Amino acid sequence: MKKFSKLMAVLVALLMALAMIPSAYAEGGAPGETVSVSLYLGNVASADGNVSLSDPGIFSSVSYDVYAGSLTNGSSGNTIFCYGSGETADVTVVVTGTISPSAADGASCTITAHYSYSDASFNYIEGQSTSDSVTVSVPVAPPPSGGGGGGGSTTPTPPSGPAEPEVKIDFSELNKQIGEANALSAEGYTDASWATLSDALSKANAALSSKDQKAVDQAAKDLQAAIAALVKMDYTALQQAIEKSETLLSSDKLSGLVKDLLSALEDGKGLLTSGDQGAVDAAAKSLEDTLLAIQQELDAMKVPEDDFCNISIHQVWPIVFFISLALNVAFVVLAVIYVTRRKKNRKDNTPLVDYDIGDDL
């Protein structure tokens, strides 16, 4: 009978210990303190739901923040609503509450997020939930020290040292960097730099539930570095090559020389929204090489400067020649007429008569 009683006592102790295990993972705080609970919904394409409190009376004030990464966040108050266009992001709900000064020791509040979500393939999953709890822990004041009564001597109790103050985690810088990251868009940045930012943002959201100030500060620092390291896409070379190609294609005379250029041009235009800088640079080089080949072909078609001839001049020279010839002929004719007339004027046409000077005597 004694063995059975001992066995039952051990069993009861084990059950009590198991019952206390969940509370070890719960958030705790004294009246007047502010605590935060982070509920991770996962990597989702959209989420829709709300947050409920099993005993809201233990808080004097409560605020809700939803961090949805690159998704559009339309959450308000205790509602959860975020969506995107197929891409996924880590969604975290942070509930921050100030424990009421009148909250009783041991009072507990379970905070639960009820939600439905869709994944990257637009599969819709309903009826999901995740929760955490907050338990009020009132510090126990040390018993007052005093002397014993009567005539007996008492051993003085050494004064106890001051209780270590609970370390409060400062999330202000981390929340600031998360807000800046959420305000950015992947469009216009390289895929590699955006992937680094997404990874840092996921770790920062996870750090919102950390109790280690160094870990929180490091997550904020890493996220700030990832934001600063974002690399903007440079489409300048590709755009210039496309403009040159389109200018060249505007001439009908070159339609037979641009088959390769057309293919390279279409490939280049398709990469104007790409996040792969290597592919963009390769497309720009392909267009430039094709343009160079066409330019060389055009240069080969040009007439060398030594053999240059002006067709319009060829049409003028015959006209000038015949005009000059006509003027010269006219001049010769006029010259002949003039000389002939002068000779005619000088000829003596007086008739000859027999004349003797003696007749005049």
Protein backbone atom coordinates (compact mmCIF):
# COMPACT_ATOMS: atom_id res chain seq x y z
CA MET A 1 0.00 0.00 0.00
CA LYS A 2 2.87 2.39 0.83
CA LYS A 3 4.58 1.58 -2.49
CA PHE A 4 1.35 2.33 -4.34
CA SER A 5 1.01 5.66 -2.52
CA LYS A 6 4.58 6.61 -3.41
CA LEU A 7 4.00 5.62 -7.04
CA MET A 8 0.86 7.76 -7.22
CA ALA A 9 2.72 10.72 -5.70
CA VAL A 10 5.49 10.44 -8.31
CA LEU A 11 2.89 10.19 -11.09
CA VAL A 12 1.05 13.28 -9.84
CA ALA A 13 4.36 15.20 -9.68
CA LEU A 14 5.17 14.23 -13.26
CA LEU A 15 1.75 15.34 -14.47
CA MET A 16 2.13 18.66 -12.73
CA ALA A 17 5.57 19.15 -14.30
CA LEU A 18 4.20 18.34 -17.76
CA ALA A 19 1.36 20.77 -17.24
CA MET A 20 3.85 23.52 -16.49
CA ILE A 21 5.94 22.96 -19.65
CA PRO A 22 3.82 25.08 -22.07
CA SER A 23 3.96 28.07 -19.75
CA ALA A 24 7.75 28.01 -20.04
CA TYR A 25 7.40 29.17 -23.63
CA ALA A 26 4.79 31.81 -22.87
CA GLU A 27 5.57 35.51 -22.69
CA GLY A 28 5.64 36.90 -19.19
CA GLY A 29 5.57 40.33 -17.63
CA ALA A 30 4.77 42.26 -14.52
CA PRO A 31 1.90 44.76 -14.22
CA GLY A 32 2.75 47.97 -16.07
CA GLU A 33 5.27 46.30 -18.38
CA THR A 34 4.95 46.12 -22.16
CA VAL A 35 5.32 42.73 -23.86
CA SER A 36 5.28 41.65 -27.51
CA VAL A 37 4.11 38.39 -29.06
CA SER A 38 5.03 37.46 -32.65
CA LEU A 39 2.78 35.07 -34.60
CA TYR A 40 4.40 33.70 -37.76
CA LEU A 41 1.93 32.86 -40.54
CA GLY A 42 4.55 31.46 -42.92
CA ASN A 43 5.74 32.17 -46.45
CA VAL A 44 2.47 32.90 -48.26
CA ALA A 45 1.16 34.65 -51.37
CA SER A 46 -1.81 36.13 -49.47
CA ALA A 47 -3.40 35.95 -46.03
CA ASP A 48 -6.76 36.96 -44.59
CA GLY A 49 -7.93 36.71 -40.97
CA ASN A 50 -7.95 38.33 -37.52
CA VAL A 51 -6.33 38.20 -34.07
CA SER A 52 -8.28 37.33 -30.90
CA LEU A 53 -7.41 37.62 -27.18
CA SER A 54 -8.76 35.09 -24.69
CA ASP A 55 -8.58 37.63 -21.80
CA PRO A 56 -8.07 41.17 -23.12
CA GLY A 57 -8.69 42.53 -19.61
CA ILE A 58 -5.13 41.86 -18.50
CA PHE A 59 -3.94 44.58 -20.92
CA SER A 60 -4.46 48.29 -20.50
CA SER A 61 -3.60 48.85 -24.20
CA VAL A 62 -2.95 46.62 -27.22
CA SER A 63 -1.55 47.37 -30.70
CA TYR A 64 -1.23 45.19 -33.77
CA ASP A 65 1.42 45.25 -36.53
CA VAL A 66 1.46 43.05 -39.62
CA TYR A 67 4.75 42.69 -41.50
CA ALA A 68 4.03 41.29 -44.95
CA GLY A 69 7.33 41.75 -46.82
CA SER A 70 6.77 42.50 -50.51
CA LEU A 71 3.01 41.82 -50.29
CA THR A 72 0.49 44.65 -50.28
CA ASN A 73 -0.57 45.13 -46.67
CA GLY A 74 -4.14 46.23 -46.07
CA SER A 75 -4.32 45.11 -42.43
CA SER A 76 -5.96 47.36 -39.87
CA GLY A 77 -6.39 46.90 -36.13
CA ASN A 78 -6.70 43.21 -35.31
CA THR A 79 -7.55 42.25 -38.92
CA ILE A 80 -5.06 40.54 -41.23
CA PHE A 81 -5.26 41.22 -44.95
CA CYS A 82 -2.30 41.11 -47.35
CA TYR A 83 -1.98 40.01 -50.93
CA GLY A 84 0.37 39.94 -53.93
CA SER A 85 0.59 38.93 -57.57
CA GLY A 86 1.92 35.39 -57.18
CA GLU A 87 5.14 36.02 -55.27
CA THR A 88 5.38 34.86 -51.66
CA ALA A 89 6.65 36.57 -48.52
CA ASP A 90 7.02 35.88 -44.81
CA VAL A 91 4.05 37.29 -42.91
CA THR A 92 4.42 38.00 -39.19
CA VAL A 93 1.81 39.46 -36.83
CA VAL A 94 3.25 41.31 -33.81
CA VAL A 95 0.88 42.00 -30.90
CA THR A 96 2.22 44.51 -28.36
CA GLY A 97 0.37 45.02 -25.08
CA THR A 98 0.87 46.84 -21.80
CA ILE A 99 -0.09 44.69 -18.83
CA SER A 100 -2.69 46.36 -16.67
CA PRO A 101 -1.45 47.49 -13.21
CA SER A 102 -4.41 45.68 -11.70
CA ALA A 103 -3.69 42.35 -13.42
CA ALA A 104 -3.55 39.47 -10.97
CA ASP A 105 -0.48 37.31 -10.54
CA GLY A 106 -0.72 34.24 -12.75
CA ALA A 107 -3.42 35.69 -15.01
CA SER A 108 -2.93 34.53 -18.60
CA CYS A 109 -4.10 35.64 -22.02
CA THR A 110 -3.82 33.49 -25.15
CA ILE A 111 -3.29 35.47 -28.34
CA THR A 112 -4.42 33.60 -31.48
CA ALA A 113 -4.25 34.47 -35.17
CA HIS A 114 -7.04 32.84 -37.18
CA TYR A 115 -6.38 33.04 -40.89
CA SER A 116 -6.63 31.52 -44.35
CA TYR A 117 -3.91 31.83 -46.95
CA SER A 118 -2.88 30.99 -50.51
CA ASP A 119 0.47 29.73 -51.71
CA ALA A 120 2.46 30.66 -54.83
CA SER A 121 0.34 28.25 -56.92
CA PHE A 122 -2.87 30.02 -55.76
CA ASN A 123 -3.95 27.03 -53.67
CA TYR A 124 -6.30 28.41 -50.98
CA ILE A 125 -6.03 26.88 -47.47
CA GLU A 126 -8.64 27.78 -44.86
CA GLY A 127 -9.00 27.37 -41.11
CA GLN A 128 -5.40 27.96 -40.00
CA SER A 129 -4.37 29.33 -36.63
CA THR A 130 -1.28 30.02 -34.54
CA SER A 131 -1.14 31.27 -30.97
CA ASP A 132 1.01 32.28 -28.03
CA SER A 133 0.18 33.38 -24.50
CA VAL A 134 1.13 36.06 -21.99
CA THR A 135 1.20 35.33 -18.26
CA VAL A 136 1.26 37.98 -15.53
CA SER A 137 4.06 37.52 -13.04
CA VAL A 138 3.92 39.81 -9.97
CA PRO A 139 7.35 40.10 -8.28
CA VAL A 140 7.36 38.81 -4.71
CA ALA A 141 8.55 41.43 -2.22
CA PRO A 142 11.26 40.19 0.24
CA PRO A 143 10.02 39.73 3.81
CA PRO A 144 10.81 42.64 6.16
CA SER A 145 13.80 42.11 8.43
CA GLY A 146 13.29 42.53 12.20
CA GLY A 147 14.65 41.51 15.62
CA GLY A 148 13.32 38.50 17.55
CA GLY A 149 11.25 38.85 20.73
CA GLY A 150 11.91 37.47 24.19
CA GLY A 151 15.25 36.96 25.75
CA GLY A 152 16.70 34.54 23.23
CA SER A 153 19.31 35.60 20.73
CA THR A 154 18.57 35.35 17.03
CA THR A 155 20.92 34.98 14.10
CA PRO A 156 20.60 38.06 11.90
CA THR A 157 19.51 37.39 8.34
CA PRO A 158 21.85 38.96 5.84
CA PRO A 159 20.08 41.52 3.67
CA SER A 160 19.23 40.26 0.24
CA GLY A 161 20.67 42.12 -2.76
CA PRO A 162 18.47 44.07 -5.15
CA ALA A 163 16.57 41.98 -7.65
CA GLU A 164 17.98 42.10 -11.14
CA PRO A 165 15.80 44.32 -13.31
CA GLU A 166 14.13 42.61 -16.23
CA VAL A 167 15.88 43.45 -19.46
CA LYS A 168 13.59 45.24 -21.89
CA ILE A 169 14.31 44.64 -25.57
CA ASP A 170 14.44 47.71 -27.81
CA PHE A 171 12.84 46.86 -31.17
CA SER A 172 12.64 50.46 -32.41
CA GLU A 173 15.58 50.29 -34.86
CA LEU A 174 14.57 46.83 -36.08
CA ASN A 175 10.99 47.99 -36.71
CA LYS A 176 12.34 51.05 -38.56
CA GLN A 177 14.47 48.94 -40.91
CA ILE A 178 11.61 46.48 -41.48
CA GLY A 179 9.34 49.38 -42.40
CA GLU A 180 11.90 50.73 -44.90
CA ALA A 181 12.36 47.29 -46.45
CA ASN A 182 8.60 46.74 -46.77
CA ALA A 183 8.27 50.06 -48.60
CA LEU A 184 10.62 48.88 -51.37
CA SER A 185 9.66 47.01 -54.54
CA ALA A 186 11.68 44.33 -56.34
CA GLU A 187 11.13 46.10 -59.66
CA GLY A 188 14.25 47.93 -60.79
CA TYR A 189 16.75 45.92 -58.71
CA THR A 190 18.88 42.93 -59.65
CA ASP A 191 17.54 39.51 -58.65
CA ALA A 192 20.64 38.69 -56.61
CA SER A 193 20.56 41.86 -54.47
CA TRP A 194 16.79 41.54 -53.92
CA ALA A 195 17.20 37.91 -52.79
CA THR A 196 19.76 39.08 -50.20
CA LEU A 197 17.30 41.70 -48.95
CA SER A 198 14.44 39.17 -48.75
CA ASP A 199 16.59 36.82 -46.67
CA ALA A 200 17.62 39.63 -44.30
CA LEU A 201 13.98 40.75 -44.00
CA SER A 202 12.84 37.23 -43.06
CA LYS A 203 15.50 37.04 -40.34
CA ALA A 204 14.53 40.51 -39.10
CA ASN A 205 10.87 39.49 -38.78
CA ALA A 206 11.92 36.40 -36.85
CA ALA A 207 14.06 38.57 -34.53
CA LEU A 208 10.95 40.47 -33.43
CA SER A 209 10.30 37.65 -30.97
CA SER A 210 13.91 37.48 -29.71
CA LYS A 211 14.82 38.15 -26.07
CA ASP A 212 18.46 38.87 -26.95
CA GLN A 213 19.18 42.56 -27.56
CA LYS A 214 22.40 41.75 -29.42
CA ALA A 215 20.54 39.45 -31.79
CA VAL A 216 17.88 42.12 -32.39
CA ASP A 217 20.49 44.81 -33.06
CA GLN A 218 22.42 42.51 -35.42
CA ALA A 219 19.26 41.68 -37.38
CA ALA A 220 18.54 45.42 -37.78
CA LYS A 221 22.15 46.06 -38.86
CA ASP A 222 22.07 43.21 -41.41
CA LEU A 223 18.77 44.42 -42.87
CA GLN A 224 20.09 47.99 -43.14
CA ALA A 225 23.20 46.68 -44.95
CA ALA A 226 21.03 44.63 -47.34
CA ILE A 227 18.95 47.72 -48.17
CA ALA A 228 22.10 49.76 -48.82
CA ALA A 229 23.54 46.95 -50.98
CA LEU A 230 20.58 46.84 -53.36
CA VAL A 231 21.85 47.11 -56.94
CA LYS A 232 19.69 48.95 -59.45
CA MET A 233 19.31 47.45 -62.89
CA ASP A 234 21.20 49.33 -65.63
CA TYR A 235 19.36 49.18 -68.95
CA THR A 236 21.30 52.10 -70.53
CA ALA A 237 23.47 50.05 -72.91
CA LEU A 238 20.52 47.91 -73.99
CA GLN A 239 18.25 50.90 -74.57
CA GLN A 240 20.91 52.68 -76.65
CA ALA A 241 21.46 49.55 -78.74
CA ILE A 242 17.71 49.20 -79.30
CA GLU A 243 17.44 52.86 -80.37
CA LYS A 244 20.30 52.44 -82.85
CA SER A 245 18.72 49.29 -84.21
CA GLU A 246 15.31 50.89 -84.66
CA THR A 247 16.90 53.90 -86.42
CA LEU A 248 18.69 51.58 -88.81
CA LEU A 249 15.54 49.58 -89.46
CA SER A 250 13.64 52.72 -90.48
CA SER A 251 15.43 52.68 -93.87
CA ASP A 252 13.80 50.42 -96.49
CA LYS A 253 17.11 50.13 -98.36
CA LEU A 254 18.58 48.02 -95.58
CA SER A 255 15.69 45.59 -95.19
CA GLY A 256 17.74 42.76 -96.59
CA LEU A 257 20.57 43.24 -94.08
CA VAL A 258 18.66 43.14 -90.79
CA LYS A 259 17.39 39.59 -90.34
CA ASP A 260 19.84 38.88 -87.56
CA LEU A 261 19.25 42.34 -86.10
CA LEU A 262 15.49 41.74 -85.83
CA SER A 263 16.02 38.63 -83.73
CA ALA A 264 18.57 40.32 -81.46
CA LEU A 265 16.28 43.35 -81.12
CA GLU A 266 13.29 41.29 -79.97
CA ASP A 267 15.46 39.43 -77.46
CA GLY A 268 16.75 42.74 -76.12
CA LYS A 269 13.29 44.25 -75.68
CA GLY A 270 12.18 41.16 -73.81
CA LEU A 271 14.95 41.71 -71.26
CA LEU A 272 14.08 45.34 -70.42
CA THR A 273 12.27 44.12 -67.28
CA SER A 274 14.74 41.34 -66.48
CA GLY A 275 16.53 41.18 -63.16
CA ASP A 276 19.49 39.29 -64.63
CA GLN A 277 22.25 41.83 -65.29
CA GLY A 278 24.37 39.24 -67.09
CA ALA A 279 21.60 38.45 -69.58
CA VAL A 280 20.94 42.17 -70.13
CA ASP A 281 24.61 42.91 -70.85
CA ALA A 282 24.83 39.90 -73.20
CA ALA A 283 21.77 41.12 -75.15
CA ALA A 284 23.29 44.61 -75.45
CA LYS A 285 26.54 43.14 -76.78
CA SER A 286 24.65 40.98 -79.28
CA LEU A 287 22.87 44.04 -80.65
CA GLU A 288 26.09 46.06 -80.84
CA ASP A 289 27.89 43.23 -82.63
CA THR A 290 25.03 42.90 -85.14
CA LEU A 291 25.02 46.65 -85.74
CA LEU A 292 28.78 46.58 -86.30
CA ALA A 293 28.41 43.78 -88.84
CA ILE A 294 25.74 45.77 -90.70
CA GLN A 295 27.92 48.90 -90.64
CA GLN A 296 30.80 46.96 -92.13
CA GLU A 297 28.48 45.70 -94.84
CA LEU A 298 27.38 49.26 -95.58
CA ASP A 299 30.97 50.45 -95.69
CA ALA A 300 31.74 47.74 -98.25
CA MET A 301 28.91 49.03 -100.43
CA LYS A 302 30.27 52.59 -100.54
CA VAL A 303 32.08 53.88 -103.70
CA PRO A 304 35.70 54.81 -102.89
CA GLU A 305 36.40 58.52 -102.82
CA ASP A 306 38.93 58.27 -105.74
CA ASP A 307 36.24 56.84 -108.00
CA PHE A 308 33.55 59.19 -106.82
CA CYS A 309 31.34 60.61 -109.54
CA ASN A 310 28.39 62.93 -109.36
CA ILE A 311 25.58 61.86 -111.66
CA SER A 312 24.04 65.34 -111.65
CA ILE A 313 27.33 66.79 -112.93
CA HIS A 314 27.32 64.21 -115.71
CA GLN A 315 23.95 65.54 -116.82
CA VAL A 316 25.17 69.18 -116.83
CA TRP A 317 28.42 68.76 -118.76
CA PRO A 318 26.81 67.72 -122.11
CA ILE A 319 24.52 70.72 -121.94
CA VAL A 320 27.44 73.07 -121.28
CA PHE A 321 29.40 71.47 -124.13
CA PHE A 322 26.66 71.92 -126.73
CA ILE A 323 25.96 75.47 -125.64
CA SER A 324 29.65 76.27 -125.93
CA LEU A 325 29.82 74.60 -129.35
CA ALA A 326 26.82 76.58 -130.61
CA LEU A 327 28.33 79.83 -129.37
CA ASN A 328 31.64 79.06 -131.07
CA VAL A 329 29.92 78.20 -134.38
CA ALA A 330 27.89 81.39 -134.19
CA PHE A 331 31.05 83.35 -133.51
CA VAL A 332 32.81 81.82 -136.52
CA VAL A 333 29.81 82.53 -138.78
CA LEU A 334 29.66 86.12 -137.63
CA ALA A 335 33.40 86.50 -138.18
CA VAL A 336 33.15 85.18 -141.74
CA ILE A 337 30.25 87.51 -142.55
CA TYR A 338 32.10 90.47 -141.15
CA VAL A 339 35.27 89.80 -143.14
CA THR A 340 33.33 89.21 -146.33
CA ARG A 341 31.48 92.50 -146.02
CA ARG A 342 34.66 94.44 -145.42
CA LYS A 343 36.25 93.02 -148.56
CA LYS A 344 33.15 93.88 -150.60
CA ASN A 345 33.17 97.48 -149.40
CA ARG A 346 36.81 97.93 -150.46
CA LYS A 347 36.26 96.79 -154.17
CA ASP A 348 36.25 99.69 -156.94
CA ASN A 349 33.15 99.37 -159.04
CA THR A 350 33.77 102.55 -161.26
CA PRO A 351 33.46 101.69 -165.04
CA LEU A 352 36.63 102.01 -167.11
CA VAL A 353 36.73 104.78 -169.94
CA ASP A 354 39.28 105.92 -172.43
CA TYR A 355 40.84 109.06 -171.04
CA ASP A 356 43.69 111.13 -172.34
CA ILE A 357 45.04 113.94 -170.30
CA GLY A 358 45.56 115.96 -173.39
CA ASP A 359 41.88 116.34 -173.73
CA ASP A 360 41.93 118.61 -170.79
CA LEU A 361 44.36 121.06 -172.28
